[in-house]
Every structure is written in C-alpha cells, then in structure tokens.
Amino acid sequence: MRRLVLAFAATLALSPLAAQAQEAGDPAAGQRVFNQCRACHTIDQGGRSGVGPNLHGVVGQRAARIENFRYSANLRQLAEGGLTWDEANLRRYLANPKDLVPQGSMAFPGLRNPQQLNDVIAYLKSQS
C-alpha cells in the first residue's frame, strides 16, 4: 500500500512537468504548420501584410497593432480593451478564432491538434 501511495504521489509531482513538456513546441514543426497560414500572412521582419497582417514579432504584442491594416471592428474593439497576443490568447485564437473574436474576419477554422498549436506558437515566438 505504501508503494502505491508513493507511486501516486510521484505521478502527481511529475504531472506539471509532463504538461510543460506538452506545451513546449518545436519551432521547426511549427514552421511546417505555419505553411497553412502563408496563404494570407507573412512573417518576415519588415514584410508586407497580405490578406492577413504580417505576423513577425506578434507574440506579446497588442492586437491590431499594424498601422493601416484593415482589422475587423470586433478585433479593433478588443485591442482597445487591452487584448494582447500572449500565449494563452494565441492558443485560444488559433484553436478557434471565433471563440476569441466572434465577429472577426479570419476565415481559418482553427487548429484542433494541441501539438500543432504548441509547435506553431513556438515558431511564432522564434520569429520575434
């Protein structure tokens, strides 16, 4: 019984490490996931915006930050309210854009695979 309790305690103690490992993405794999985004977005420093805004340096920045880009009214309103692209908001938005910005104009349905989310966020972070 004591071994069972110790094993259970060890499992609980290690579970945050497992969660952190799962959230740690692979930027190289994320670059491949980002290829889905390239139809509308660029990520090169100083690059132009396409149908969607250039995403270079987006992690940690306020939403709707690029001058003269035509963001949806909903996204502009959320940005005025303080929306920033931290990891939690990026994860929520990339999983289902309409969940965070219900009247947004992004047509992408979202990434359902948690590892792909982790990887693309790691890639976006590496491009800052």
N, C-alpha and C. Protein backbone atom coordinates (compact mmCIF):
# COMPACT_ATOMS: atom_id res chain seq x y z
N MET A 1 0.83 -1.19 0.00
CA MET A 1 0.00 0.00 0.00
C MET A 1 0.87 1.26 0.00
N ARG A 2 1.94 1.22 0.79
CA ARG A 2 2.83 2.38 0.86
C ARG A 2 3.45 2.65 -0.50
N ARG A 3 3.83 1.60 -1.23
CA ARG A 3 4.41 1.78 -2.56
C ARG A 3 3.39 2.41 -3.52
N LEU A 4 2.15 1.99 -3.39
CA LEU A 4 1.11 2.54 -4.23
C LEU A 4 0.93 4.04 -3.96
N VAL A 5 0.94 4.42 -2.70
CA VAL A 5 0.80 5.83 -2.32
C VAL A 5 2.00 6.62 -2.84
N LEU A 6 3.20 6.08 -2.70
CA LEU A 6 4.41 6.76 -3.19
C LEU A 6 4.38 6.90 -4.71
N ALA A 7 3.94 5.87 -5.39
CA ALA A 7 3.86 5.92 -6.85
C ALA A 7 2.84 6.98 -7.28
N PHE A 8 1.71 7.04 -6.60
CA PHE A 8 0.69 8.03 -6.91
C PHE A 8 1.23 9.44 -6.65
N ALA A 9 1.91 9.63 -5.54
CA ALA A 9 2.49 10.93 -5.21
C ALA A 9 3.52 11.35 -6.25
N ALA A 10 4.33 10.41 -6.69
CA ALA A 10 5.34 10.71 -7.71
C ALA A 10 4.67 11.10 -9.03
N THR A 11 3.58 10.43 -9.37
CA THR A 11 2.85 10.75 -10.59
C THR A 11 2.29 12.16 -10.52
N LEU A 12 1.72 12.51 -9.39
CA LEU A 12 1.18 13.86 -9.22
C LEU A 12 2.28 14.91 -9.30
N ALA A 13 3.41 14.60 -8.70
CA ALA A 13 4.52 15.55 -8.69
C ALA A 13 5.08 15.76 -10.10
N LEU A 14 5.06 14.74 -10.92
CA LEU A 14 5.62 14.84 -12.26
C LEU A 14 4.63 15.37 -13.29
N SER A 15 3.35 15.36 -12.97
CA SER A 15 2.36 15.78 -13.97
C SER A 15 2.54 17.22 -14.44
N PRO A 16 2.94 18.19 -13.60
CA PRO A 16 3.21 19.52 -14.14
C PRO A 16 4.35 19.52 -15.14
N LEU A 17 5.35 18.67 -14.92
CA LEU A 17 6.46 18.58 -15.87
C LEU A 17 5.97 18.03 -17.19
N ALA A 18 5.10 17.06 -17.15
CA ALA A 18 4.54 16.50 -18.38
C ALA A 18 3.72 17.55 -19.11
N ALA A 19 2.96 18.33 -18.38
CA ALA A 19 2.16 19.39 -19.00
C ALA A 19 3.06 20.44 -19.64
N GLN A 20 4.15 20.80 -18.96
CA GLN A 20 5.08 21.77 -19.52
C GLN A 20 5.74 21.22 -20.77
N ALA A 21 6.11 19.94 -20.75
CA ALA A 21 6.74 19.33 -21.91
C ALA A 21 5.77 19.32 -23.09
N GLN A 22 4.49 19.08 -22.82
CA GLN A 22 3.50 19.08 -23.89
C GLN A 22 3.34 20.48 -24.48
N GLU A 23 3.39 21.50 -23.64
CA GLU A 23 3.23 22.86 -24.12
C GLU A 23 4.47 23.39 -24.82
N ALA A 24 5.62 22.77 -24.59
CA ALA A 24 6.83 23.19 -25.27
C ALA A 24 6.76 22.70 -26.70
N GLY A 25 6.66 23.62 -27.62
CA GLY A 25 6.54 23.24 -29.01
C GLY A 25 7.88 23.19 -29.71
N ASP A 26 7.85 22.67 -30.91
CA ASP A 26 9.02 22.55 -31.77
C ASP A 26 8.90 23.60 -32.88
N PRO A 27 9.76 24.61 -32.88
CA PRO A 27 9.66 25.67 -33.89
C PRO A 27 9.77 25.15 -35.33
N ALA A 28 10.60 24.14 -35.56
CA ALA A 28 10.73 23.60 -36.92
C ALA A 28 9.42 22.96 -37.38
N ALA A 29 8.79 22.21 -36.48
CA ALA A 29 7.49 21.63 -36.81
C ALA A 29 6.45 22.74 -36.95
N GLY A 30 6.57 23.77 -36.13
CA GLY A 30 5.65 24.91 -36.21
C GLY A 30 5.77 25.66 -37.52
N GLN A 31 6.97 25.71 -38.08
CA GLN A 31 7.15 26.35 -39.38
C GLN A 31 6.35 25.60 -40.45
N ARG A 32 6.35 24.27 -40.36
CA ARG A 32 5.55 23.48 -41.30
C ARG A 32 4.06 23.73 -41.10
N VAL A 33 3.62 23.85 -39.84
CA VAL A 33 2.21 24.15 -39.56
C VAL A 33 1.87 25.54 -40.10
N PHE A 34 2.80 26.47 -39.94
CA PHE A 34 2.58 27.85 -40.39
C PHE A 34 2.38 27.93 -41.90
N ASN A 35 2.82 26.94 -42.63
CA ASN A 35 2.62 26.96 -44.08
C ASN A 35 1.14 27.09 -44.44
N GLN A 36 0.26 26.61 -43.57
CA GLN A 36 -1.19 26.79 -43.78
C GLN A 36 -1.56 28.28 -43.72
N CYS A 37 -0.80 29.03 -42.97
CA CYS A 37 -1.10 30.45 -42.73
C CYS A 37 -0.56 31.35 -43.84
N ARG A 38 0.41 30.83 -44.59
CA ARG A 38 1.10 31.65 -45.60
C ARG A 38 0.20 32.13 -46.73
N ALA A 39 -0.94 31.51 -46.91
CA ALA A 39 -1.85 31.97 -47.96
C ALA A 39 -2.30 33.40 -47.67
N CYS A 40 -2.36 33.77 -46.39
CA CYS A 40 -2.84 35.10 -46.00
C CYS A 40 -1.82 35.94 -45.24
N HIS A 41 -0.87 35.30 -44.57
CA HIS A 41 0.06 36.00 -43.68
C HIS A 41 1.51 35.84 -44.12
N THR A 42 2.30 36.88 -43.89
CA THR A 42 3.75 36.78 -43.99
C THR A 42 4.30 36.86 -42.57
N ILE A 43 5.56 36.50 -42.42
CA ILE A 43 6.17 36.55 -41.09
C ILE A 43 7.57 37.15 -41.13
N ASP A 44 7.97 37.66 -42.28
CA ASP A 44 9.30 38.25 -42.44
C ASP A 44 9.35 39.62 -41.79
N GLN A 45 10.47 39.89 -41.11
CA GLN A 45 10.63 41.21 -40.49
C GLN A 45 10.55 42.27 -41.57
N GLY A 46 9.68 43.23 -41.37
CA GLY A 46 9.50 44.30 -42.34
C GLY A 46 8.69 43.88 -43.56
N GLY A 47 8.20 42.64 -43.56
CA GLY A 47 7.43 42.15 -44.69
C GLY A 47 6.08 42.81 -44.80
N ARG A 48 5.52 42.73 -45.98
CA ARG A 48 4.22 43.33 -46.22
C ARG A 48 3.12 42.48 -45.59
N SER A 49 2.00 43.06 -45.40
CA SER A 49 0.82 42.32 -45.00
C SER A 49 0.14 41.82 -46.26
N GLY A 50 -0.54 40.70 -46.13
CA GLY A 50 -1.32 40.18 -47.24
C GLY A 50 -2.79 40.37 -46.92
N VAL A 51 -3.57 39.34 -47.16
CA VAL A 51 -4.98 39.37 -46.75
C VAL A 51 -5.04 39.52 -45.23
N GLY A 52 -4.10 38.87 -44.55
CA GLY A 52 -3.94 38.99 -43.11
C GLY A 52 -2.69 39.79 -42.80
N PRO A 53 -2.55 40.28 -41.59
CA PRO A 53 -1.38 41.10 -41.25
C PRO A 53 -0.09 40.28 -41.16
N ASN A 54 1.04 40.96 -41.35
CA ASN A 54 2.35 40.35 -41.12
C ASN A 54 2.43 39.96 -39.64
N LEU A 55 2.91 38.76 -39.37
CA LEU A 55 2.92 38.26 -38.00
C LEU A 55 4.30 38.26 -37.35
N HIS A 56 5.28 38.91 -37.97
CA HIS A 56 6.60 38.96 -37.34
C HIS A 56 6.51 39.70 -36.00
N GLY A 57 6.98 39.06 -34.96
CA GLY A 57 7.01 39.68 -33.63
C GLY A 57 5.67 39.78 -32.96
N VAL A 58 4.69 39.00 -33.39
CA VAL A 58 3.33 39.13 -32.87
C VAL A 58 3.20 38.70 -31.40
N VAL A 59 4.00 37.73 -30.96
CA VAL A 59 3.86 37.20 -29.60
C VAL A 59 4.21 38.29 -28.58
N GLY A 60 3.27 38.54 -27.70
CA GLY A 60 3.44 39.55 -26.66
C GLY A 60 2.99 40.94 -27.07
N GLN A 61 2.62 41.12 -28.32
CA GLN A 61 2.20 42.44 -28.81
C GLN A 61 0.70 42.63 -28.63
N ARG A 62 0.29 43.87 -28.65
CA ARG A 62 -1.14 44.15 -28.58
C ARG A 62 -1.77 43.76 -29.91
N ALA A 63 -3.02 43.39 -29.86
CA ALA A 63 -3.76 43.03 -31.07
C ALA A 63 -3.99 44.27 -31.93
N ALA A 64 -4.18 44.07 -33.21
CA ALA A 64 -4.48 45.15 -34.16
C ALA A 64 -3.43 46.24 -34.13
N ARG A 65 -2.17 45.86 -34.13
CA ARG A 65 -1.08 46.81 -33.93
C ARG A 65 -0.51 47.39 -35.21
N ILE A 66 -0.78 46.78 -36.34
CA ILE A 66 -0.17 47.24 -37.59
C ILE A 66 -0.98 48.39 -38.17
N GLU A 67 -0.30 49.52 -38.34
CA GLU A 67 -0.95 50.72 -38.89
C GLU A 67 -1.45 50.44 -40.31
N ASN A 68 -2.57 51.01 -40.63
CA ASN A 68 -3.16 50.95 -41.97
C ASN A 68 -3.58 49.55 -42.41
N PHE A 69 -3.62 48.58 -41.48
CA PHE A 69 -4.19 47.29 -41.84
C PHE A 69 -5.67 47.32 -41.47
N ARG A 70 -6.48 46.72 -42.29
CA ARG A 70 -7.93 46.76 -42.10
C ARG A 70 -8.39 45.59 -41.24
N TYR A 71 -8.31 45.75 -39.94
CA TYR A 71 -8.77 44.74 -38.99
C TYR A 71 -10.29 44.82 -38.87
N SER A 72 -10.90 43.74 -38.44
CA SER A 72 -12.35 43.77 -38.19
C SER A 72 -12.64 44.73 -37.04
N ALA A 73 -13.83 45.27 -37.05
CA ALA A 73 -14.24 46.18 -35.97
C ALA A 73 -14.19 45.47 -34.63
N ASN A 74 -14.55 44.19 -34.61
CA ASN A 74 -14.53 43.41 -33.37
C ASN A 74 -13.12 43.29 -32.81
N LEU A 75 -12.15 42.99 -33.67
CA LEU A 75 -10.76 42.87 -33.20
C LEU A 75 -10.22 44.23 -32.75
N ARG A 76 -10.53 45.28 -33.47
CA ARG A 76 -10.09 46.62 -33.04
C ARG A 76 -10.67 46.97 -31.68
N GLN A 77 -11.93 46.63 -31.47
CA GLN A 77 -12.58 46.91 -30.18
C GLN A 77 -11.90 46.12 -29.06
N LEU A 78 -11.60 44.85 -29.30
CA LEU A 78 -10.92 44.04 -28.29
C LEU A 78 -9.51 44.57 -28.02
N ALA A 79 -8.84 45.03 -29.05
CA ALA A 79 -7.50 45.60 -28.88
C ALA A 79 -7.56 46.87 -28.03
N GLU A 80 -8.56 47.69 -28.27
CA GLU A 80 -8.74 48.90 -27.45
C GLU A 80 -9.01 48.54 -26.00
N GLY A 81 -9.60 47.38 -25.78
CA GLY A 81 -9.86 46.90 -24.43
C GLY A 81 -8.65 46.21 -23.79
N GLY A 82 -7.54 46.13 -24.54
CA GLY A 82 -6.31 45.59 -23.96
C GLY A 82 -5.90 44.20 -24.43
N LEU A 83 -6.56 43.66 -25.45
CA LEU A 83 -6.19 42.33 -25.94
C LEU A 83 -4.76 42.33 -26.45
N THR A 84 -3.97 41.42 -25.93
CA THR A 84 -2.61 41.22 -26.42
C THR A 84 -2.46 39.77 -26.86
N TRP A 85 -1.50 39.52 -27.72
CA TRP A 85 -1.25 38.17 -28.23
C TRP A 85 -0.25 37.45 -27.34
N ASP A 86 -0.64 37.23 -26.09
CA ASP A 86 0.17 36.38 -25.22
C ASP A 86 -0.12 34.93 -25.61
N GLU A 87 0.61 34.00 -25.01
CA GLU A 87 0.45 32.60 -25.41
C GLU A 87 -0.96 32.08 -25.18
N ALA A 88 -1.59 32.47 -24.09
CA ALA A 88 -2.94 31.97 -23.80
C ALA A 88 -3.94 32.48 -24.85
N ASN A 89 -3.86 33.75 -25.21
CA ASN A 89 -4.78 34.28 -26.23
C ASN A 89 -4.48 33.72 -27.61
N LEU A 90 -3.20 33.55 -27.92
CA LEU A 90 -2.86 32.93 -29.21
C LEU A 90 -3.39 31.51 -29.28
N ARG A 91 -3.22 30.76 -28.21
CA ARG A 91 -3.70 29.37 -28.18
C ARG A 91 -5.22 29.33 -28.40
N ARG A 92 -5.93 30.19 -27.71
CA ARG A 92 -7.38 30.23 -27.84
C ARG A 92 -7.80 30.65 -29.25
N TYR A 93 -7.13 31.67 -29.78
CA TYR A 93 -7.47 32.19 -31.11
C TYR A 93 -7.12 31.19 -32.20
N LEU A 94 -5.95 30.59 -32.12
CA LEU A 94 -5.54 29.66 -33.16
C LEU A 94 -6.33 28.35 -33.12
N ALA A 95 -6.85 28.00 -31.96
CA ALA A 95 -7.68 26.80 -31.86
C ALA A 95 -9.06 27.06 -32.47
N ASN A 96 -9.58 28.27 -32.31
CA ASN A 96 -10.90 28.62 -32.84
C ASN A 96 -11.01 30.15 -32.85
N PRO A 97 -10.67 30.79 -33.96
CA PRO A 97 -10.66 32.25 -33.99
C PRO A 97 -11.98 32.89 -33.54
N LYS A 98 -13.09 32.28 -33.84
CA LYS A 98 -14.39 32.87 -33.48
C LYS A 98 -14.67 32.77 -31.98
N ASP A 99 -13.93 31.94 -31.27
CA ASP A 99 -14.09 31.85 -29.82
C ASP A 99 -13.60 33.12 -29.14
N LEU A 100 -12.52 33.68 -29.63
CA LEU A 100 -11.95 34.89 -29.03
C LEU A 100 -12.48 36.16 -29.69
N VAL A 101 -12.65 36.11 -31.00
CA VAL A 101 -13.10 37.27 -31.77
C VAL A 101 -14.33 36.84 -32.57
N PRO A 102 -15.50 36.83 -31.94
CA PRO A 102 -16.70 36.27 -32.56
C PRO A 102 -17.10 36.89 -33.90
N GLN A 103 -16.90 38.19 -34.06
CA GLN A 103 -17.24 38.83 -35.33
C GLN A 103 -15.99 39.17 -36.14
N GLY A 104 -14.92 38.42 -35.92
CA GLY A 104 -13.69 38.65 -36.65
C GLY A 104 -13.80 38.21 -38.09
N SER A 105 -12.85 38.64 -38.90
CA SER A 105 -12.91 38.34 -40.33
C SER A 105 -12.01 37.17 -40.74
N MET A 106 -11.27 36.58 -39.82
CA MET A 106 -10.40 35.47 -40.19
C MET A 106 -11.25 34.24 -40.50
N ALA A 107 -11.06 33.71 -41.70
CA ALA A 107 -11.87 32.58 -42.16
C ALA A 107 -11.30 31.23 -41.72
N PHE A 108 -10.10 31.20 -41.21
CA PHE A 108 -9.46 29.94 -40.80
C PHE A 108 -10.27 29.28 -39.69
N PRO A 109 -10.56 27.97 -39.82
CA PRO A 109 -11.40 27.31 -38.81
C PRO A 109 -10.68 27.00 -37.51
N GLY A 110 -9.36 26.98 -37.52
CA GLY A 110 -8.61 26.72 -36.29
C GLY A 110 -7.84 25.42 -36.34
N LEU A 111 -6.86 25.32 -35.47
CA LEU A 111 -6.05 24.11 -35.32
C LEU A 111 -6.64 23.29 -34.19
N ARG A 112 -6.97 22.06 -34.44
CA ARG A 112 -7.56 21.20 -33.41
C ARG A 112 -6.52 20.35 -32.69
N ASN A 113 -5.37 20.17 -33.30
CA ASN A 113 -4.32 19.32 -32.73
C ASN A 113 -3.49 20.13 -31.73
N PRO A 114 -3.51 19.74 -30.44
CA PRO A 114 -2.76 20.51 -29.42
C PRO A 114 -1.27 20.61 -29.71
N GLN A 115 -0.68 19.57 -30.27
CA GLN A 115 0.76 19.63 -30.57
C GLN A 115 1.03 20.65 -31.68
N GLN A 116 0.15 20.70 -32.68
CA GLN A 116 0.32 21.71 -33.73
C GLN A 116 0.21 23.11 -33.17
N LEU A 117 -0.70 23.31 -32.22
CA LEU A 117 -0.81 24.61 -31.56
C LEU A 117 0.49 24.96 -30.84
N ASN A 118 1.01 24.00 -30.08
CA ASN A 118 2.27 24.23 -29.36
C ASN A 118 3.39 24.56 -30.34
N ASP A 119 3.45 23.82 -31.44
CA ASP A 119 4.53 24.00 -32.41
C ASP A 119 4.43 25.35 -33.11
N VAL A 120 3.24 25.72 -33.55
CA VAL A 120 3.12 26.99 -34.28
C VAL A 120 3.36 28.18 -33.34
N ILE A 121 2.97 28.07 -32.10
CA ILE A 121 3.27 29.14 -31.14
C ILE A 121 4.77 29.23 -30.89
N ALA A 122 5.44 28.09 -30.79
CA ALA A 122 6.90 28.10 -30.65
C ALA A 122 7.56 28.74 -31.87
N TYR A 123 7.02 28.47 -33.05
CA TYR A 123 7.55 29.10 -34.27
C TYR A 123 7.32 30.61 -34.25
N LEU A 124 6.11 31.03 -33.90
CA LEU A 124 5.83 32.46 -33.83
C LEU A 124 6.76 33.16 -32.83
N LYS A 125 7.00 32.50 -31.70
CA LYS A 125 7.92 33.07 -30.69
C LYS A 125 9.33 33.19 -31.25
N SER A 126 9.74 32.22 -32.07
CA SER A 126 11.09 32.25 -32.62
C SER A 126 11.24 33.35 -33.68
N GLN A 127 10.14 33.88 -34.16
CA GLN A 127 10.16 34.92 -35.19
C GLN A 127 9.91 36.32 -34.60
N SER A 128 10.36 36.52 -33.40
CA SER A 128 10.16 37.81 -32.75
C SER A 128 11.47 38.55 -32.60
